[in-house]
Full PDB file with SEQRES, HELIX, SHEET, SSBOND, CRYST1, ORIGX, SCALE, CONECT and MASTER records, all heavy atoms in Angstrom:
SEQRES   1 A   46  ALA ARG GLY GLU VAL GLY LYS VAL GLY VAL PRO VAL ALA          
SEQRES   2 A   46  HIS LEU GLY ASP MET ARG ALA LEU PHE ASP ALA ILE PRO          
SEQRES   3 A   46  LEU GLU GLN MET ASN THR SER MET THR ILE ASN ALA THR          
SEQRES   4 A   46  ALA PRO TRP LEU LEU ALA LEU                                  
HELIX    1 AA1 LEU A   15  LEU A   21  1                                   7    
HELIX    2 AA2 LEU A   27  GLN A   29  5                                   3    
HELIX    3 AA3 ALA A   40  ALA A   45  1                                   6    
CRYST1    1.000    1.000    1.000  90.00  90.00  90.00 P 1           1          
ORIGX1      1.000000  0.000000  0.000000        0.00000                         
ORIGX2      0.000000  1.000000  0.000000        0.00000                         
ORIGX3      0.000000  0.000000  1.000000        0.00000                         
SCALE1      1.000000  0.000000  0.000000        0.00000                         
SCALE2      0.000000  1.000000  0.000000        0.00000                         
SCALE3      0.000000  0.000000  1.000000        0.00000                         
ATOM      1  N   ALA A   1       8.487  -3.958  12.996  1.00  0.00           N  
ATOM      2  CA  ALA A   1       7.601  -4.995  12.453  1.00  0.00           C  
ATOM      3  C   ALA A   1       6.128  -4.676  12.682  1.00  0.00           C  
ATOM      4  O   ALA A   1       5.261  -5.368  12.138  1.00  0.00           O  
ATOM      5  CB  ALA A   1       7.937  -6.350  13.075  1.00  0.00           C  
ATOM      6  N   ARG A   2       5.840  -3.640  13.466  1.00  0.00           N  
ATOM      7  CA  ARG A   2       4.451  -3.353  13.810  1.00  0.00           C  
ATOM      8  C   ARG A   2       3.619  -3.117  12.551  1.00  0.00           C  
ATOM      9  O   ARG A   2       3.944  -2.292  11.707  1.00  0.00           O  
ATOM     10  CB  ARG A   2       4.367  -2.111  14.702  1.00  0.00           C  
ATOM     11  CG  ARG A   2       2.952  -1.834  15.168  1.00  0.00           C  
ATOM     12  CD  ARG A   2       2.879  -0.647  16.105  1.00  0.00           C  
ATOM     13  NE  ARG A   2       1.500  -0.416  16.503  1.00  0.00           N  
ATOM     14  CZ  ARG A   2       1.095   0.628  17.212  1.00  0.00           C  
ATOM     15  NH1 ARG A   2       1.966   1.532  17.617  1.00  0.00           N  
ATOM     16  NH2 ARG A   2      -0.177   0.765  17.523  1.00  0.00           N  
ATOM     17  N   GLY A   3       2.550  -3.868  12.423  1.00  0.00           N  
ATOM     18  CA  GLY A   3       1.666  -3.753  11.274  1.00  0.00           C  
ATOM     19  C   GLY A   3       2.119  -4.505  10.045  1.00  0.00           C  
ATOM     20  O   GLY A   3       1.376  -4.588   9.062  1.00  0.00           O  
ATOM     21  N   GLU A   4       3.338  -5.056  10.064  1.00  0.00           N  
ATOM     22  CA  GLU A   4       3.886  -5.712   8.872  1.00  0.00           C  
ATOM     23  C   GLU A   4       3.851  -7.232   8.960  1.00  0.00           C  
ATOM     24  O   GLU A   4       4.122  -7.907   7.974  1.00  0.00           O  
ATOM     25  CB  GLU A   4       5.352  -5.278   8.672  1.00  0.00           C  
ATOM     26  CG  GLU A   4       5.590  -3.783   8.591  1.00  0.00           C  
ATOM     27  CD  GLU A   4       5.300  -3.205   7.221  1.00  0.00           C  
ATOM     28  OE1 GLU A   4       4.609  -3.872   6.422  1.00  0.00           O  
ATOM     29  OE2 GLU A   4       5.765  -2.094   6.949  1.00  0.00           O  
ATOM     30  N   VAL A   5       3.517  -7.773  10.109  1.00  0.00           N  
ATOM     31  CA  VAL A   5       3.610  -9.221  10.320  1.00  0.00           C  
ATOM     32  C   VAL A   5       2.555  -9.945   9.488  1.00  0.00           C  
ATOM     33  O   VAL A   5       1.352  -9.685   9.599  1.00  0.00           O  
ATOM     34  CB  VAL A   5       3.448  -9.566  11.811  1.00  0.00           C  
ATOM     35  CG1 VAL A   5       3.468 -11.084  12.019  1.00  0.00           C  
ATOM     36  CG2 VAL A   5       4.541  -8.895  12.640  1.00  0.00           C  
ATOM     37  N   GLY A   6       3.013 -10.858   8.630  1.00  0.00           N  
ATOM     38  CA  GLY A   6       2.101 -11.675   7.835  1.00  0.00           C  
ATOM     39  C   GLY A   6       1.406 -10.946   6.711  1.00  0.00           C  
ATOM     40  O   GLY A   6       0.479 -11.496   6.100  1.00  0.00           O  
ATOM     41  N   LYS A   7       1.849  -9.722   6.360  1.00  0.00           N  
ATOM     42  CA  LYS A   7       1.124  -8.931   5.365  1.00  0.00           C  
ATOM     43  C   LYS A   7       1.474  -9.325   3.928  1.00  0.00           C  
ATOM     44  O   LYS A   7       0.591  -9.570   3.119  1.00  0.00           O  
ATOM     45  CB  LYS A   7       1.413  -7.440   5.584  1.00  0.00           C  
ATOM     46  CG  LYS A   7       0.615  -6.812   6.726  1.00  0.00           C  
ATOM     47  CD  LYS A   7      -0.865  -6.759   6.425  1.00  0.00           C  
ATOM     48  CE  LYS A   7      -1.704  -5.931   7.368  1.00  0.00           C  
ATOM     49  NZ  LYS A   7      -1.208  -5.636   8.680  1.00  0.00           N  
ATOM     50  N   VAL A   8       2.754  -9.325   3.578  1.00  0.00           N  
ATOM     51  CA  VAL A   8       3.118  -9.626   2.193  1.00  0.00           C  
ATOM     52  C   VAL A   8       3.712 -11.024   2.055  1.00  0.00           C  
ATOM     53  O   VAL A   8       4.226 -11.391   1.001  1.00  0.00           O  
ATOM     54  CB  VAL A   8       4.108  -8.576   1.636  1.00  0.00           C  
ATOM     55  CG1 VAL A   8       3.496  -7.197   1.682  1.00  0.00           C  
ATOM     56  CG2 VAL A   8       5.433  -8.599   2.394  1.00  0.00           C  
ATOM     57  N   GLY A   9       3.642 -11.790   3.123  1.00  0.00           N  
ATOM     58  CA  GLY A   9       4.171 -13.140   3.106  1.00  0.00           C  
ATOM     59  C   GLY A   9       4.037 -13.747   4.484  1.00  0.00           C  
ATOM     60  O   GLY A   9       3.379 -13.201   5.373  1.00  0.00           O  
ATOM     61  N   VAL A  10       4.683 -14.870   4.657  1.00  0.00           N  
ATOM     62  CA  VAL A  10       4.545 -15.620   5.905  1.00  0.00           C  
ATOM     63  C   VAL A  10       5.652 -15.215   6.880  1.00  0.00           C  
ATOM     64  O   VAL A  10       6.808 -15.068   6.484  1.00  0.00           O  
ATOM     65  CB  VAL A  10       4.582 -17.143   5.625  1.00  0.00           C  
ATOM     66  CG1 VAL A  10       5.860 -17.555   4.904  1.00  0.00           C  
ATOM     67  CG2 VAL A  10       4.405 -17.935   6.896  1.00  0.00           C  
ATOM     68  N   PRO A  11       5.340 -15.030   8.163  1.00  0.00           N  
ATOM     69  CA  PRO A  11       6.386 -14.772   9.145  1.00  0.00           C  
ATOM     70  C   PRO A  11       7.069 -16.066   9.568  1.00  0.00           C  
ATOM     71  O   PRO A  11       6.410 -17.049   9.911  1.00  0.00           O  
ATOM     72  CB  PRO A  11       5.623 -14.142  10.319  1.00  0.00           C  
ATOM     73  CG  PRO A  11       4.237 -14.676  10.211  1.00  0.00           C  
ATOM     74  CD  PRO A  11       3.989 -14.934   8.745  1.00  0.00           C  
ATOM     75  N   VAL A  12       8.386 -16.075   9.537  1.00  0.00           N  
ATOM     76  CA  VAL A  12       9.159 -17.225  10.005  1.00  0.00           C  
ATOM     77  C   VAL A  12      10.216 -16.682  10.963  1.00  0.00           C  
ATOM     78  O   VAL A  12      11.223 -16.118  10.544  1.00  0.00           O  
ATOM     79  CB  VAL A  12       9.809 -17.992   8.839  1.00  0.00           C  
ATOM     80  CG1 VAL A  12      10.698 -19.104   9.376  1.00  0.00           C  
ATOM     81  CG2 VAL A  12       8.733 -18.575   7.932  1.00  0.00           C  
ATOM     82  N   ALA A  13       9.968 -16.838  12.248  1.00  0.00           N  
ATOM     83  CA  ALA A  13      10.842 -16.262  13.271  1.00  0.00           C  
ATOM     84  C   ALA A  13      11.784 -17.287  13.891  1.00  0.00           C  
ATOM     85  O   ALA A  13      12.724 -16.900  14.579  1.00  0.00           O  
ATOM     86  CB  ALA A  13      10.005 -15.602  14.371  1.00  0.00           C  
ATOM     87  N   HIS A  14      11.536 -18.590  13.643  1.00  0.00           N  
ATOM     88  CA  HIS A  14      12.356 -19.613  14.292  1.00  0.00           C  
ATOM     89  C   HIS A  14      12.035 -20.971  13.675  1.00  0.00           C  
ATOM     90  O   HIS A  14      11.162 -21.087  12.793  1.00  0.00           O  
ATOM     91  CB  HIS A  14      12.111 -19.641  15.802  1.00  0.00           C  
ATOM     92  CG  HIS A  14      10.661 -19.654  16.181  1.00  0.00           C  
ATOM     93  ND1 HIS A  14       9.870 -20.770  16.044  1.00  0.00           N  
ATOM     94  CD2 HIS A  14       9.860 -18.671  16.675  1.00  0.00           C  
ATOM     95  CE1 HIS A  14       8.640 -20.487  16.440  1.00  0.00           C  
ATOM     96  NE2 HIS A  14       8.609 -19.228  16.825  1.00  0.00           N  
ATOM     97  N   LEU A  15      12.712 -21.995  14.153  1.00  0.00           N  
ATOM     98  CA  LEU A  15      12.561 -23.341  13.607  1.00  0.00           C  
ATOM     99  C   LEU A  15      11.123 -23.838  13.721  1.00  0.00           C  
ATOM    100  O   LEU A  15      10.630 -24.536  12.821  1.00  0.00           O  
ATOM    101  CB  LEU A  15      13.509 -24.295  14.336  1.00  0.00           C  
ATOM    102  CG  LEU A  15      13.539 -25.746  13.857  1.00  0.00           C  
ATOM    103  CD1 LEU A  15      13.952 -25.838  12.403  1.00  0.00           C  
ATOM    104  CD2 LEU A  15      14.481 -26.564  14.742  1.00  0.00           C  
ATOM    105  N   GLY A  16      10.431 -23.484  14.798  1.00  0.00           N  
ATOM    106  CA  GLY A  16       9.047 -23.922  14.952  1.00  0.00           C  
ATOM    107  C   GLY A  16       8.157 -23.404  13.840  1.00  0.00           C  
ATOM    108  O   GLY A  16       7.273 -24.116  13.346  1.00  0.00           O  
ATOM    109  N   ASP A  17       8.370 -22.152  13.418  1.00  0.00           N  
ATOM    110  CA  ASP A  17       7.597 -21.603  12.308  1.00  0.00           C  
ATOM    111  C   ASP A  17       7.901 -22.342  11.012  1.00  0.00           C  
ATOM    112  O   ASP A  17       6.994 -22.668  10.232  1.00  0.00           O  
ATOM    113  CB  ASP A  17       7.904 -20.117  12.126  1.00  0.00           C  
ATOM    114  CG  ASP A  17       7.241 -19.229  13.167  1.00  0.00           C  
ATOM    115  OD1 ASP A  17       6.268 -19.672  13.803  1.00  0.00           O  
ATOM    116  OD2 ASP A  17       7.695 -18.074  13.341  1.00  0.00           O  
ATOM    117  N   MET A  18       9.167 -22.613  10.755  1.00  0.00           N  
ATOM    118  CA  MET A  18       9.532 -23.317   9.521  1.00  0.00           C  
ATOM    119  C   MET A  18       8.988 -24.739   9.542  1.00  0.00           C  
ATOM    120  O   MET A  18       8.541 -25.263   8.509  1.00  0.00           O  
ATOM    121  CB  MET A  18      11.050 -23.319   9.352  1.00  0.00           C  
ATOM    122  CG  MET A  18      11.526 -23.825   7.997  1.00  0.00           C  
ATOM    123  SD  MET A  18      11.019 -22.781   6.605  1.00  0.00           S  
ATOM    124  CE  MET A  18      12.490 -21.781   6.383  1.00  0.00           C  
ATOM    125  N   ARG A  19       8.993 -25.337  10.694  1.00  0.00           N  
ATOM    126  CA  ARG A  19       8.431 -26.688  10.851  1.00  0.00           C  
ATOM    127  C   ARG A  19       6.940 -26.677  10.508  1.00  0.00           C  
ATOM    128  O   ARG A  19       6.443 -27.551   9.778  1.00  0.00           O  
ATOM    129  CB  ARG A  19       8.657 -27.129  12.292  1.00  0.00           C  
ATOM    130  CG  ARG A  19       8.410 -28.578  12.587  1.00  0.00           C  
ATOM    131  CD  ARG A  19       8.620 -28.795  14.087  1.00  0.00           C  
ATOM    132  NE  ARG A  19      10.017 -28.703  14.491  1.00  0.00           N  
ATOM    133  CZ  ARG A  19      10.429 -28.200  15.652  1.00  0.00           C  
ATOM    134  NH1 ARG A  19       9.564 -27.740  16.538  1.00  0.00           N  
ATOM    135  NH2 ARG A  19      11.718 -28.176  15.945  1.00  0.00           N  
ATOM    136  N   ALA A  20       6.219 -25.690  11.018  1.00  0.00           N  
ATOM    137  CA  ALA A  20       4.780 -25.587  10.755  1.00  0.00           C  
ATOM    138  C   ALA A  20       4.503 -25.265   9.288  1.00  0.00           C  
ATOM    139  O   ALA A  20       3.525 -25.738   8.707  1.00  0.00           O  
ATOM    140  CB  ALA A  20       4.162 -24.512  11.651  1.00  0.00           C  
ATOM    141  N   LEU A  21       5.379 -24.460   8.677  1.00  0.00           N  
ATOM    142  CA  LEU A  21       5.180 -24.051   7.292  1.00  0.00           C  
ATOM    143  C   LEU A  21       5.189 -25.244   6.343  1.00  0.00           C  
ATOM    144  O   LEU A  21       4.441 -25.281   5.362  1.00  0.00           O  
ATOM    145  CB  LEU A  21       6.273 -23.052   6.895  1.00  0.00           C  
ATOM    146  CG  LEU A  21       6.165 -22.410   5.519  1.00  0.00           C  
ATOM    147  CD1 LEU A  21       4.920 -21.551   5.411  1.00  0.00           C  
ATOM    148  CD2 LEU A  21       7.412 -21.567   5.223  1.00  0.00           C  
ATOM    149  N   PHE A  22       6.021 -26.242   6.643  1.00  0.00           N  
ATOM    150  CA  PHE A  22       6.150 -27.391   5.748  1.00  0.00           C  
ATOM    151  C   PHE A  22       5.612 -28.684   6.371  1.00  0.00           C  
ATOM    152  O   PHE A  22       5.981 -29.782   5.944  1.00  0.00           O  
ATOM    153  CB  PHE A  22       7.609 -27.564   5.333  1.00  0.00           C  
ATOM    154  CG  PHE A  22       8.102 -26.447   4.457  1.00  0.00           C  
ATOM    155  CD1 PHE A  22       9.015 -25.516   4.938  1.00  0.00           C  
ATOM    156  CD2 PHE A  22       7.635 -26.298   3.166  1.00  0.00           C  
ATOM    157  CE1 PHE A  22       9.466 -24.476   4.150  1.00  0.00           C  
ATOM    158  CE2 PHE A  22       8.077 -25.256   2.360  1.00  0.00           C  
ATOM    159  CZ  PHE A  22       8.988 -24.344   2.856  1.00  0.00           C  
ATOM    160  N   ASP A  23       4.732 -28.543   7.333  1.00  0.00           N  
ATOM    161  CA  ASP A  23       4.118 -29.715   7.956  1.00  0.00           C  
ATOM    162  C   ASP A  23       3.417 -30.575   6.905  1.00  0.00           C  
ATOM    163  O   ASP A  23       2.634 -30.068   6.082  1.00  0.00           O  
ATOM    164  CB  ASP A  23       3.118 -29.256   9.024  1.00  0.00           C  
ATOM    165  CG  ASP A  23       2.469 -30.428   9.723  1.00  0.00           C  
ATOM    166  OD1 ASP A  23       3.177 -31.382  10.083  1.00  0.00           O  
ATOM    167  OD2 ASP A  23       1.231 -30.389   9.895  1.00  0.00           O  
ATOM    168  N   ALA A  24       3.696 -31.871   6.907  1.00  0.00           N  
ATOM    169  CA  ALA A  24       3.079 -32.842   5.985  1.00  0.00           C  
ATOM    170  C   ALA A  24       3.421 -32.573   4.521  1.00  0.00           C  
ATOM    171  O   ALA A  24       2.747 -33.074   3.622  1.00  0.00           O  
ATOM    172  CB  ALA A  24       1.564 -32.884   6.174  1.00  0.00           C  
ATOM    173  N   ILE A  25       4.466 -31.803   4.265  1.00  0.00           N  
ATOM    174  CA  ILE A  25       4.971 -31.583   2.905  1.00  0.00           C  
ATOM    175  C   ILE A  25       6.385 -32.165   2.858  1.00  0.00           C  
ATOM    176  O   ILE A  25       7.302 -31.599   3.452  1.00  0.00           O  
ATOM    177  CB  ILE A  25       4.988 -30.092   2.532  1.00  0.00           C  
ATOM    178  CG1 ILE A  25       3.571 -29.508   2.567  1.00  0.00           C  
ATOM    179  CG2 ILE A  25       5.611 -29.888   1.157  1.00  0.00           C  
ATOM    180  CD1 ILE A  25       3.517 -28.003   2.322  1.00  0.00           C  
ATOM    181  N   PRO A  26       6.582 -33.285   2.218  1.00  0.00           N  
ATOM    182  CA  PRO A  26       7.912 -33.934   2.226  1.00  0.00           C  
ATOM    183  C   PRO A  26       8.925 -33.131   1.407  1.00  0.00           C  
ATOM    184  O   PRO A  26       8.863 -33.096   0.177  1.00  0.00           O  
ATOM    185  CB  PRO A  26       7.641 -35.309   1.608  1.00  0.00           C  
ATOM    186  CG  PRO A  26       6.390 -35.126   0.803  1.00  0.00           C  
ATOM    187  CD  PRO A  26       5.583 -34.066   1.478  1.00  0.00           C  
ATOM    188  N   LEU A  27       9.865 -32.511   2.074  1.00  0.00           N  
ATOM    189  CA  LEU A  27      10.783 -31.598   1.393  1.00  0.00           C  
ATOM    190  C   LEU A  27      11.691 -32.322   0.415  1.00  0.00           C  
ATOM    191  O   LEU A  27      12.134 -31.730  -0.581  1.00  0.00           O  
ATOM    192  CB  LEU A  27      11.608 -30.839   2.432  1.00  0.00           C  
ATOM    193  CG  LEU A  27      10.798 -29.923   3.363  1.00  0.00           C  
ATOM    194  CD1 LEU A  27      11.724 -29.097   4.242  1.00  0.00           C  
ATOM    195  CD2 LEU A  27       9.872 -29.009   2.577  1.00  0.00           C  
ATOM    196  N   GLU A  28      11.977 -33.583   0.667  1.00  0.00           N  
ATOM    197  CA  GLU A  28      12.833 -34.334  -0.257  1.00  0.00           C  
ATOM    198  C   GLU A  28      12.176 -34.482  -1.626  1.00  0.00           C  
ATOM    199  O   GLU A  28      12.860 -34.676  -2.634  1.00  0.00           O  
ATOM    200  CB  GLU A  28      13.142 -35.709   0.340  1.00  0.00           C  
ATOM    201  CG  GLU A  28      14.278 -36.433  -0.356  1.00  0.00           C  
ATOM    202  CD  GLU A  28      14.711 -37.683   0.386  1.00  0.00           C  
ATOM    203  OE1 GLU A  28      14.537 -37.734   1.627  1.00  0.00           O  
ATOM    204  OE2 GLU A  28      15.221 -38.605  -0.259  1.00  0.00           O  
ATOM    205  N   GLN A  29      10.836 -34.373  -1.679  1.00  0.00           N  
ATOM    206  CA  GLN A  29      10.122 -34.516  -2.943  1.00  0.00           C  
ATOM    207  C   GLN A  29       9.763 -33.173  -3.579  1.00  0.00           C  
ATOM    208  O   GLN A  29       9.199 -33.129  -4.667  1.00  0.00           O  
ATOM    209  CB  GLN A  29       8.831 -35.317  -2.711  1.00  0.00           C  
ATOM    210  CG  GLN A  29       9.059 -36.711  -2.173  1.00  0.00           C  
ATOM    211  CD  GLN A  29       7.756 -37.403  -1.817  1.00  0.00           C  
ATOM    212  OE1 GLN A  29       6.700 -37.117  -2.380  1.00  0.00           O  
ATOM    213  NE2 GLN A  29       7.812 -38.315  -0.859  1.00  0.00           N  
ATOM    214  N   MET A  30      10.046 -32.067  -2.900  1.00  0.00           N  
ATOM    215  CA  MET A  30       9.637 -30.749  -3.353  1.00  0.00           C  
ATOM    216  C   MET A  30      10.739 -30.066  -4.161  1.00  0.00           C  
ATOM    217  O   MET A  30      11.917 -30.379  -4.043  1.00  0.00           O  
ATOM    218  CB  MET A  30       9.301 -29.850  -2.152  1.00  0.00           C  
ATOM    219  CG  MET A  30       7.970 -30.129  -1.479  1.00  0.00           C  
ATOM    220  SD  MET A  30       6.555 -29.812  -2.577  1.00  0.00           S  
ATOM    221  CE  MET A  30       6.055 -31.492  -2.969  1.00  0.00           C  
ATOM    222  N   ASN A  31      10.317 -29.100  -4.973  1.00  0.00           N  
ATOM    223  CA  ASN A  31      11.231 -28.122  -5.554  1.00  0.00           C  
ATOM    224  C   ASN A  31      10.751 -26.773  -5.030  1.00  0.00           C  
ATOM    225  O   ASN A  31       9.725 -26.262  -5.455  1.00  0.00           O  
ATOM    226  CB  ASN A  31      11.196 -28.167  -7.081  1.00  0.00           C  
ATOM    227  CG  ASN A  31      12.302 -27.314  -7.685  1.00  0.00           C  
ATOM    228  OD1 ASN A  31      12.427 -26.141  -7.392  1.00  0.00           O  
ATOM    229  ND2 ASN A  31      13.109 -27.920  -8.554  1.00  0.00           N  
ATOM    230  N   THR A  32      11.480 -26.228  -4.061  1.00  0.00           N  
ATOM    231  CA  THR A  32      11.013 -25.068  -3.307  1.00  0.00           C  
ATOM    232  C   THR A  32      11.834 -23.838  -3.649  1.00  0.00           C  
ATOM    233  O   THR A  32      13.060 -23.845  -3.518  1.00  0.00           O  
ATOM    234  CB  THR A  32      11.120 -25.333  -1.790  1.00  0.00           C  
ATOM    235  OG1 THR A  32      10.384 -26.509  -1.465  1.00  0.00           O  
ATOM    236  CG2 THR A  32      10.573 -24.154  -0.996  1.00  0.00           C  
ATOM    237  N   SER A  33      11.155 -22.800  -4.060  1.00  0.00           N  
ATOM    238  CA  SER A  33      11.786 -21.510  -4.297  1.00  0.00           C  
ATOM    239  C   SER A  33      11.455 -20.596  -3.126  1.00  0.00           C  
ATOM    240  O   SER A  33      10.288 -20.425  -2.771  1.00  0.00           O  
ATOM    241  CB  SER A  33      11.274 -20.888  -5.604  1.00  0.00           C  
ATOM    242  OG  SER A  33      11.722 -19.559  -5.734  1.00  0.00           O  
ATOM    243  N   MET A  34      12.490 -20.031  -2.510  1.00  0.00           N  
ATOM    244  CA  MET A  34      12.268 -19.111  -1.399  1.00  0.00           C  
ATOM    245  C   MET A  34      12.756 -17.717  -1.805  1.00  0.00           C  
ATOM    246  O   MET A  34      13.950 -17.520  -2.056  1.00  0.00           O  
ATOM    247  CB  MET A  34      12.990 -19.598  -0.135  1.00  0.00           C  
ATOM    248  CG  MET A  34      12.412 -20.893   0.415  1.00  0.00           C  
ATOM    249  SD  MET A  34      12.996 -21.306   2.079  1.00  0.00           S  
ATOM    250  CE  MET A  34      14.646 -21.905   1.728  1.00  0.00           C  
ATOM    251  N   THR A  35      11.814 -16.792  -1.890  1.00  0.00           N  
ATOM    252  CA  THR A  35      12.153 -15.422  -2.266  1.00  0.00           C  
ATOM    253  C   THR A  35      12.673 -14.704  -1.030  1.00  0.00           C  
ATOM    254  O   THR A  35      11.922 -14.056  -0.299  1.00  0.00           O  
ATOM    255  CB  THR A  35      10.939 -14.699  -2.869  1.00  0.00           C  
ATOM    256  OG1 THR A  35      10.479 -15.449  -3.997  1.00  0.00           O  
ATOM    257  CG2 THR A  35      11.307 -13.299  -3.322  1.00  0.00           C  
ATOM    258  N   ILE A  36      13.959 -14.854  -0.802  1.00  0.00           N  
ATOM    259  CA  ILE A  36      14.587 -14.321   0.407  1.00  0.00           C  
ATOM    260  C   ILE A  36      16.003 -13.891   0.038  1.00  0.00           C  
ATOM    261  O   ILE A  36      16.673 -14.559  -0.752  1.00  0.00           O  
ATOM    262  CB  ILE A  36      14.584 -15.381   1.538  1.00  0.00           C  
ATOM    263  CG1 ILE A  36      14.846 -14.751   2.893  1.00  0.00           C  
ATOM    264  CG2 ILE A  36      15.492 -16.540   1.227  1.00  0.00           C  
ATOM    265  CD1 ILE A  36      13.725 -13.894   3.415  1.00  0.00           C  
ATOM    266  N   ASN A  37      16.440 -12.783   0.597  1.00  0.00           N  
ATOM    267  CA  ASN A  37      17.721 -12.220   0.171  1.00  0.00           C  
ATOM    268  C   ASN A  37      18.662 -11.948   1.342  1.00  0.00           C  
ATOM    269  O   ASN A  37      19.552 -12.723   1.615  1.00  0.00           O  
ATOM    270  CB  ASN A  37      17.468 -10.968  -0.669  1.00  0.00           C  
ATOM    271  CG  ASN A  37      16.751 -11.304  -1.962  1.00  0.00           C  
ATOM    272  OD1 ASN A  37      17.349 -11.828  -2.886  1.00  0.00           O  
ATOM    273  ND2 ASN A  37      15.452 -11.039  -2.039  1.00  0.00           N  
ATOM    274  N   ALA A  38      18.455 -10.874   2.081  1.00  0.00           N  
ATOM    275  CA  ALA A  38      19.376 -10.534   3.163  1.00  0.00           C  
ATOM    276  C   ALA A  38      19.478 -11.651   4.196  1.00  0.00           C  
ATOM    277  O   ALA A  38      20.548 -11.912   4.741  1.00  0.00           O  
ATOM    278  CB  ALA A  38      18.943  -9.232   3.833  1.00  0.00           C  
ATOM    279  N   THR A  39      18.360 -12.309   4.473  1.00  0.00           N  
ATOM    280  CA  THR A  39      18.356 -13.400   5.453  1.00  0.00           C  
ATOM    281  C   THR A  39      18.362 -14.769   4.786  1.00  0.00           C  
ATOM    282  O   THR A  39      17.984 -15.766   5.397  1.00  0.00           O  
ATOM    283  CB  THR A  39      17.139 -13.269   6.392  1.00  0.00           C  
ATOM    284  OG1 THR A  39      15.938 -13.194   5.614  1.00  0.00           O  
ATOM    285  CG2 THR A  39      17.236 -12.027   7.264  1.00  0.00           C  
ATOM    286  N   ALA A  40      18.813 -14.837   3.539  1.00  0.00           N  
ATOM    287  CA  ALA A  40      18.825 -16.111   2.816  1.00  0.00           C  
ATOM    288  C   ALA A  40      19.633 -17.191   3.526  1.00  0.00           C  
ATOM    289  O   ALA A  40      19.177 -18.342   3.610  1.00  0.00           O  
ATOM    290  CB  ALA A  40      19.341 -15.906   1.394  1.00  0.00           C  
ATOM    291  N   PRO A  41      20.832 -16.907   4.076  1.00  0.00           N  
ATOM    292  CA  PRO A  41      21.550 -17.982   4.776  1.00  0.00           C  
ATOM    293  C   PRO A  41      20.735 -18.537   5.945  1.00  0.00           C  
ATOM    294  O   PRO A  41      20.758 -19.751   6.202  1.00  0.00           O  
ATOM    295  CB  PRO A  41      22.825 -17.284   5.272  1.00  0.00           C  
ATOM    296  CG  PRO A  41      22.995 -16.097   4.394  1.00  0.00           C  
ATOM    297  CD  PRO A  41      21.611 -15.654   4.037  1.00  0.00           C  
ATOM    298  N   TRP A  42      20.010 -17.662   6.627  1.00  0.00           N  
ATOM    299  CA  TRP A  42      19.235 -18.078   7.792  1.00  0.00           C  
ATOM    300  C   TRP A  42      18.035 -18.927   7.390  1.00  0.00           C  
ATOM    301  O   TRP A  42      17.779 -19.981   7.979  1.00  0.00           O  
ATOM    302  CB  TRP A  42      18.788 -16.844   8.570  1.00  0.00           C  
ATOM    303  CG  TRP A  42      17.872 -17.126   9.724  1.00  0.00           C  
ATOM    304  CD1 TRP A  42      16.594 -16.682   9.886  1.00  0.00           C  
ATOM    305  CD2 TRP A  42      18.164 -17.910  10.891  1.00  0.00           C  
ATOM    306  NE1 TRP A  42      16.068 -17.140  11.071  1.00  0.00           N  
ATOM    307  CE2 TRP A  42      17.018 -17.896  11.708  1.00  0.00           C  
ATOM    308  CE3 TRP A  42      19.290 -18.626  11.309  1.00  0.00           C  
ATOM    309  CZ2 TRP A  42      16.962 -18.574  12.924  1.00  0.00           C  
ATOM    310  CZ3 TRP A  42      19.232 -19.302  12.528  1.00  0.00           C  
ATOM    311  CH2 TRP A  42      18.082 -19.261  13.319  1.00  0.00           C  
ATOM    312  N   LEU A  43      17.287 -18.487   6.382  1.00  0.00           N  
ATOM    313  CA  LEU A  43      16.099 -19.256   5.973  1.00  0.00           C  
ATOM    314  C   LEU A  43      16.495 -20.591   5.364  1.00  0.00           C  
ATOM    315  O   LEU A  43      15.816 -21.598   5.567  1.00  0.00           O  
ATOM    316  CB  LEU A  43      15.246 -18.433   5.000  1.00  0.00           C  
ATOM    317  CG  LEU A  43      14.192 -17.520   5.644  1.00  0.00           C  
ATOM    318  CD1 LEU A  43      13.150 -18.349   6.386  1.00  0.00           C  
ATOM    319  CD2 LEU A  43      14.791 -16.496   6.576  1.00  0.00           C  
ATOM    320  N   LEU A  44      17.611 -20.637   4.634  1.00  0.00           N  
ATOM    321  CA  LEU A  44      18.085 -21.921   4.119  1.00  0.00           C  
ATOM    322  C   LEU A  44      18.515 -22.813   5.272  1.00  0.00           C  
ATOM    323  O   LEU A  44      18.270 -24.030   5.258  1.00  0.00           O  
ATOM    324  CB  LEU A  44      19.237 -21.709   3.138  1.00  0.00           C  
ATOM    325  CG  LEU A  44      19.821 -22.978   2.519  1.00  0.00           C  
ATOM    326  CD1 LEU A  44      18.754 -23.786   1.780  1.00  0.00           C  
ATOM    327  CD2 LEU A  44      20.982 -22.636   1.576  1.00  0.00           C  
ATOM    328  N   ALA A  45      19.129 -22.226   6.300  1.00  0.00           N  
ATOM    329  CA  ALA A  45      19.516 -23.011   7.482  1.00  0.00           C  
ATOM    330  C   ALA A  45      18.299 -23.627   8.155  1.00  0.00           C  
ATOM    331  O   ALA A  45      18.300 -24.806   8.539  1.00  0.00           O  
ATOM    332  CB  ALA A  45      20.280 -22.123   8.464  1.00  0.00           C  
ATOM    333  N   LEU A  46      17.235 -22.842   8.307  1.00  0.00           N  
ATOM    334  CA  LEU A  46      15.998 -23.364   8.893  1.00  0.00           C  
ATOM    335  C   LEU A  46      15.402 -24.472   8.025  1.00  0.00           C  
ATOM    336  O   LEU A  46      14.901 -25.487   8.542  1.00  0.00           O  
ATOM    337  CB  LEU A  46      14.983 -22.230   9.074  1.00  0.00           C  
ATOM    338  CG  LEU A  46      15.295 -21.179  10.148  1.00  0.00           C  
ATOM    339  CD1 LEU A  46      14.329 -19.997  10.024  1.00  0.00           C  
ATOM    340  CD2 LEU A  46      15.202 -21.783  11.544  1.00  0.00           C  
TER     341      LEU A  46                                                      
MASTER        0    0    0    3    0    0    0    6  340    1    0    4          
END                                                                             
């Protein structure tokens, strides 16, 4: 990960990061597209 953190997108390493990413954005009202593949089950879980 050296040099790659936050370069082409946002780093999300745990629930706290996902919480901060959507702070004050009501997810029930959103239509959110997440460009994620290998870790898609994990990011959807978060």
